[in-house]
Amino acid sequence: QQQQQQRVSLHPQGLVRPRALSQQQELKQGQQQTPVSFPGVLPPKDHPPWLAALLHEVTKRRRLAAFSGKQLVGLLVVLTQAQVQLDQRTTGRLLSTLHSCITQGCPSLTAHQLSLAMWALAKTRTSLKAQMMHSLLDRFHEQLPKASIADVASLVWAIPLVSKHYTTWLAVQHSSLLHALADFTLPHLTTCAARGSTSGQQLCGPRQLVQLAVGFTRLRFYPGAEWMRRHRAASIAVQHAFTSTDRAQIRAAYQALLEV
């Protein structure tokens, strides 16, 4: 008897979820000794069968073209969080589809979605081609008025990690965007310094402070004396929430930025 593959469905809100399994199916899958493997997916570590089936649906049946921008980003985030590694061909197809969506101006690709995509790609150290980086950064620049401080900080942190071979050149090409990002963060840094550690997507906290300092340092971009002053004031206000690693990164970033 041929073993039936688990079917998957696409959630209308952009999340990809498997259909519910019966208790017998779950028990049967739990007893399997060999992991499920599909084309396009490198040998898994502890990947659940439904995730492998999902990737098979996406890669083998070429359903990426039907995905919205939000769904593409959601897929990237799921793959990153589950530590799933795709082969080079499948990764290229996914990035090419996302690039096409960006250049076509997909309405669902907001500043938040773009920063999520950059975060996922940076976490997996996926190198992007310069053309795609130009399109992504130009689109984010357009969406900047609607962005949050978390979106900006995540983007600044991610840029140098996905453009390793041309980071300095990219920073020169998009210097106007980097200045705009630094200016955007100024009022948030002031608020952070006044209120101390805060939480929420629209507010600035320890994580954003570290990401901004580290990101600008790796880009070799000096955001200005006023930015440095406000960032330092904000860091002092939330220093109780920093880890020892955070403090070390902030100190190293300050020293490097003053030498840029």
Protein backbone atom coordinates (compact mmCIF):
# COMPACT_ATOMS: atom_id res chain seq x y z
CA GLN A 1 0.00 0.00 0.00
CA GLN A 2 1.27 3.42 -0.88
CA GLN A 3 1.61 5.81 2.02
CA GLN A 4 -0.58 8.87 1.64
CA GLN A 5 1.09 12.26 1.97
CA GLN A 6 -0.39 14.75 4.38
CA ARG A 7 -2.30 17.53 2.66
CA VAL A 8 -1.75 21.15 3.56
CA SER A 9 -3.88 24.26 3.14
CA LEU A 10 -3.01 27.93 2.90
CA HIS A 11 -4.53 30.06 5.61
CA PRO A 12 -6.30 33.16 4.16
CA GLN A 13 -4.40 35.51 6.44
CA GLY A 14 -1.07 34.51 4.95
CA LEU A 15 -0.08 31.84 7.47
CA VAL A 16 0.48 28.35 6.16
CA ARG A 17 -1.09 25.70 8.32
CA PRO A 18 -1.63 21.94 7.98
CA ARG A 19 -5.04 20.38 8.19
CA ALA A 20 -5.74 18.68 11.48
CA LEU A 21 -4.51 15.12 11.82
CA SER A 22 -6.47 12.36 13.49
CA GLN A 23 -5.03 10.80 16.64
CA GLN A 24 -4.26 7.61 14.71
CA GLN A 25 -2.34 9.55 12.05
CA GLU A 26 -0.35 11.44 14.70
CA LEU A 27 0.48 8.18 16.49
CA LYS A 28 1.54 6.56 13.22
CA GLN A 29 3.79 9.49 12.34
CA GLY A 30 5.30 9.49 15.82
CA GLN A 31 6.31 5.86 15.31
CA GLN A 32 8.14 6.54 12.05
CA GLN A 33 11.87 6.10 12.43
CA THR A 34 12.92 7.73 9.15
CA PRO A 35 12.20 11.45 8.65
CA VAL A 36 10.01 12.60 5.76
CA SER A 37 12.06 13.97 2.87
CA PHE A 38 10.97 15.89 -0.22
CA PRO A 39 12.74 17.46 -3.20
CA GLY A 40 14.05 20.94 -2.50
CA VAL A 41 14.44 20.32 1.22
CA LEU A 42 17.85 19.37 2.57
CA PRO A 43 17.98 16.43 5.00
CA PRO A 44 16.01 17.53 8.08
CA LYS A 45 17.09 17.40 11.69
CA ASP A 46 13.84 17.26 13.63
CA HIS A 47 11.44 18.75 11.10
CA PRO A 48 7.79 17.76 11.67
CA PRO A 49 6.23 15.82 8.75
CA TRP A 50 3.66 18.54 8.09
CA LEU A 51 6.42 21.09 7.46
CA ALA A 52 8.17 18.84 4.97
CA ALA A 53 4.83 18.24 3.24
CA LEU A 54 4.21 21.98 3.11
CA LEU A 55 7.58 22.62 1.49
CA HIS A 56 6.84 19.89 -1.03
CA GLU A 57 3.59 21.63 -1.93
CA VAL A 58 5.38 24.94 -2.41
CA THR A 59 8.51 23.80 -4.24
CA LYS A 60 7.48 20.72 -6.21
CA ARG A 61 4.16 22.04 -7.46
CA ARG A 62 5.48 25.52 -8.12
CA ARG A 63 2.83 27.35 -6.14
CA LEU A 64 5.07 30.26 -5.21
CA ALA A 65 3.73 32.40 -8.06
CA ALA A 66 0.28 32.35 -6.46
CA PHE A 67 1.57 33.63 -3.10
CA SER A 68 0.97 37.21 -2.02
CA GLY A 69 3.83 39.29 -0.69
CA LYS A 70 2.61 38.74 2.86
CA GLN A 71 2.47 34.98 2.34
CA LEU A 72 6.00 34.91 0.90
CA VAL A 73 7.33 36.77 3.93
CA GLY A 74 5.35 34.49 6.24
CA LEU A 75 6.93 31.47 4.56
CA LEU A 76 10.41 32.94 5.03
CA VAL A 77 9.74 33.53 8.73
CA VAL A 78 8.36 30.00 9.24
CA LEU A 79 11.40 28.48 7.53
CA THR A 80 13.74 30.58 9.67
CA GLN A 81 12.03 29.85 12.96
CA ALA A 82 11.88 26.13 12.19
CA GLN A 83 15.53 26.16 11.08
CA VAL A 84 14.64 24.57 7.75
CA GLN A 85 17.35 24.66 5.10
CA LEU A 86 16.36 24.67 1.42
CA ASP A 87 18.63 23.71 -1.42
CA GLN A 88 20.18 26.45 -3.55
CA ARG A 89 17.75 26.09 -6.44
CA THR A 90 14.65 26.30 -4.25
CA THR A 91 16.06 29.25 -2.30
CA GLY A 92 16.76 31.06 -5.57
CA ARG A 93 13.20 30.47 -6.75
CA LEU A 94 11.78 31.82 -3.49
CA LEU A 95 13.95 34.95 -3.59
CA SER A 96 13.20 35.53 -7.27
CA THR A 97 9.47 35.40 -6.57
CA LEU A 98 9.84 37.81 -3.67
CA HIS A 99 11.91 40.17 -5.84
CA SER A 100 9.22 40.15 -8.52
CA CYS A 101 6.61 40.94 -5.91
CA ILE A 102 8.66 43.91 -4.66
CA THR A 103 9.26 45.35 -8.12
CA GLN A 104 5.57 44.98 -8.99
CA GLY A 105 4.60 46.97 -5.92
CA CYS A 106 2.63 44.31 -4.05
CA PRO A 107 0.36 46.25 -1.64
CA SER A 108 0.81 43.69 1.16
CA LEU A 109 4.56 44.37 1.34
CA THR A 110 4.52 47.06 4.01
CA ALA A 111 7.57 48.35 5.86
CA HIS A 112 6.88 45.80 8.58
CA GLN A 113 6.73 42.93 6.08
CA LEU A 114 9.95 44.06 4.41
CA SER A 115 11.78 44.26 7.73
CA LEU A 116 10.52 40.77 8.64
CA ALA A 117 11.85 39.43 5.33
CA MET A 118 15.22 41.07 5.93
CA TRP A 119 15.34 39.70 9.48
CA ALA A 120 14.63 36.15 8.27
CA LEU A 121 17.23 36.36 5.49
CA ALA A 122 19.82 37.81 7.87
CA LYS A 123 19.23 35.11 10.50
CA THR A 124 19.98 32.44 7.90
CA ARG A 125 22.88 34.51 6.50
CA THR A 126 21.34 34.42 3.02
CA SER A 127 23.27 36.64 0.62
CA LEU A 128 21.14 38.79 -1.67
CA LYS A 129 22.09 40.03 -5.10
CA ALA A 130 22.67 43.77 -5.38
CA GLN A 131 19.70 44.24 -7.70
CA MET A 132 17.29 42.74 -5.19
CA MET A 133 18.80 44.79 -2.37
CA HIS A 134 18.29 47.98 -4.37
CA SER A 135 14.62 47.11 -4.97
CA LEU A 136 14.03 46.17 -1.35
CA LEU A 137 15.69 49.29 0.11
CA ASP A 138 13.97 51.61 -2.37
CA ARG A 139 10.60 50.08 -1.44
CA PHE A 140 11.34 50.44 2.27
CA HIS A 141 12.32 54.09 1.72
CA GLU A 142 8.88 54.67 0.20
CA GLN A 143 7.21 52.96 3.17
CA LEU A 144 9.36 54.65 5.83
CA PRO A 145 6.64 57.08 7.06
CA LYS A 146 4.53 54.05 8.03
CA ALA A 147 7.37 52.14 9.67
CA SER A 148 7.96 51.57 13.38
CA ILE A 149 11.21 51.95 15.28
CA ALA A 150 11.38 48.13 15.47
CA ASP A 151 11.08 47.90 11.67
CA VAL A 152 13.90 50.39 11.15
CA ALA A 153 16.20 48.84 13.75
CA SER A 154 15.68 45.36 12.34
CA LEU A 155 16.41 46.59 8.81
CA VAL A 156 19.59 48.45 9.82
CA TRP A 157 20.83 45.34 11.64
CA ALA A 158 20.02 43.03 8.72
CA ILE A 159 21.42 45.02 5.77
CA PRO A 160 25.13 44.24 6.32
CA LEU A 161 24.41 40.56 7.00
CA VAL A 162 22.76 39.96 3.62
CA SER A 163 25.18 42.12 1.62
CA LYS A 164 28.54 40.88 2.90
CA HIS A 165 30.41 41.19 -0.37
CA TYR A 166 29.29 44.73 -1.20
CA THR A 167 28.20 46.32 2.10
CA THR A 168 30.41 49.42 1.88
CA TRP A 169 29.42 50.09 -1.72
CA LEU A 170 25.74 49.58 -0.87
CA ALA A 171 25.96 52.06 2.02
CA VAL A 172 27.36 54.69 -0.35
CA GLN A 173 24.66 54.01 -2.95
CA HIS A 174 21.88 54.33 -0.36
CA SER A 175 23.38 57.02 1.86
CA SER A 176 20.20 59.10 1.58
CA LEU A 177 18.18 56.19 2.99
CA LEU A 178 20.62 55.67 5.85
CA HIS A 179 20.42 59.37 6.78
CA ALA A 180 16.61 59.13 6.61
CA LEU A 181 16.66 56.08 8.88
CA ALA A 182 18.89 57.86 11.40
CA ASP A 183 16.64 60.94 11.37
CA PHE A 184 13.56 58.73 11.76
CA THR A 185 14.92 57.23 14.97
CA LEU A 186 15.80 60.53 16.67
CA PRO A 187 12.40 61.21 18.33
CA HIS A 188 12.18 57.57 19.40
CA LEU A 189 15.59 57.79 21.05
CA THR A 190 14.45 60.92 22.90
CA THR A 191 11.31 59.15 24.11
CA CYS A 192 13.34 56.16 25.24
CA ALA A 193 15.72 58.38 27.18
CA ALA A 194 12.79 60.12 28.90
CA ARG A 195 10.72 57.05 29.75
CA GLY A 196 13.36 54.37 30.15
CA SER A 197 12.82 50.78 29.00
CA THR A 198 9.57 50.30 27.11
CA SER A 199 7.95 47.54 25.13
CA GLY A 200 5.80 47.43 22.05
CA GLN A 201 6.38 47.69 18.34
CA GLN A 202 6.06 51.47 18.24
CA LEU A 203 8.49 52.07 21.12
CA CYS A 204 12.24 51.88 21.46
CA GLY A 205 13.88 49.44 23.84
CA PRO A 206 17.21 47.68 24.48
CA ARG A 207 16.94 45.40 21.46
CA GLN A 208 16.39 48.31 19.07
CA LEU A 209 19.26 50.29 20.59
CA VAL A 210 21.67 47.39 20.08
CA GLN A 211 20.45 46.68 16.55
CA LEU A 212 20.83 50.31 15.49
CA ALA A 213 24.32 50.72 16.92
CA VAL A 214 25.60 47.40 15.57
CA GLY A 215 23.95 47.87 12.19
CA PHE A 216 25.31 51.36 11.57
CA THR A 217 28.75 50.18 12.68
CA ARG A 218 28.81 47.28 10.23
CA LEU A 219 27.63 49.63 7.49
CA ARG A 220 30.44 52.02 8.45
CA PHE A 221 27.87 54.81 8.51
CA TYR A 222 28.20 57.64 11.02
CA PRO A 223 24.66 58.81 11.92
CA GLY A 224 25.80 62.16 13.34
CA ALA A 225 26.79 63.70 16.67
CA GLU A 226 23.19 64.43 17.70
CA TRP A 227 22.19 60.83 17.01
CA MET A 228 25.12 59.59 19.08
CA ARG A 229 24.16 61.88 21.96
CA ARG A 230 20.53 60.76 22.01
CA HIS A 231 21.40 57.11 21.56
CA ARG A 232 23.79 57.30 24.52
CA ALA A 233 21.14 58.99 26.67
CA ALA A 234 18.63 56.29 25.76
CA SER A 235 21.17 53.55 26.48
CA ILE A 236 21.87 55.00 29.92
CA ALA A 237 18.13 55.12 30.63
CA VAL A 238 17.66 51.41 29.85
CA GLN A 239 21.05 50.10 30.96
CA HIS A 240 19.43 47.96 33.66
CA ALA A 241 17.76 45.93 30.88
CA PHE A 242 20.97 45.31 28.92
CA THR A 243 22.75 41.99 29.10
CA SER A 244 26.54 41.91 29.40
CA THR A 245 26.68 41.09 25.69
CA ASP A 246 24.48 44.10 24.89
CA ARG A 247 26.78 46.41 26.84
CA ALA A 248 29.86 45.05 25.12
CA GLN A 249 28.27 45.49 21.69
CA ILE A 250 27.19 49.06 22.45
CA ARG A 251 30.66 50.06 23.69
CA ALA A 252 32.36 48.48 20.67
CA ALA A 253 29.89 50.16 18.32
CA TYR A 254 30.47 53.62 19.84
CA GLN A 255 34.21 53.27 19.50
CA ALA A 256 33.96 52.09 15.90
CA LEU A 257 31.45 54.77 14.88
CA LEU A 258 33.69 57.54 16.19
CA GLU A 259 36.44 56.22 13.93
CA VAL A 260 34.30 56.16 10.77
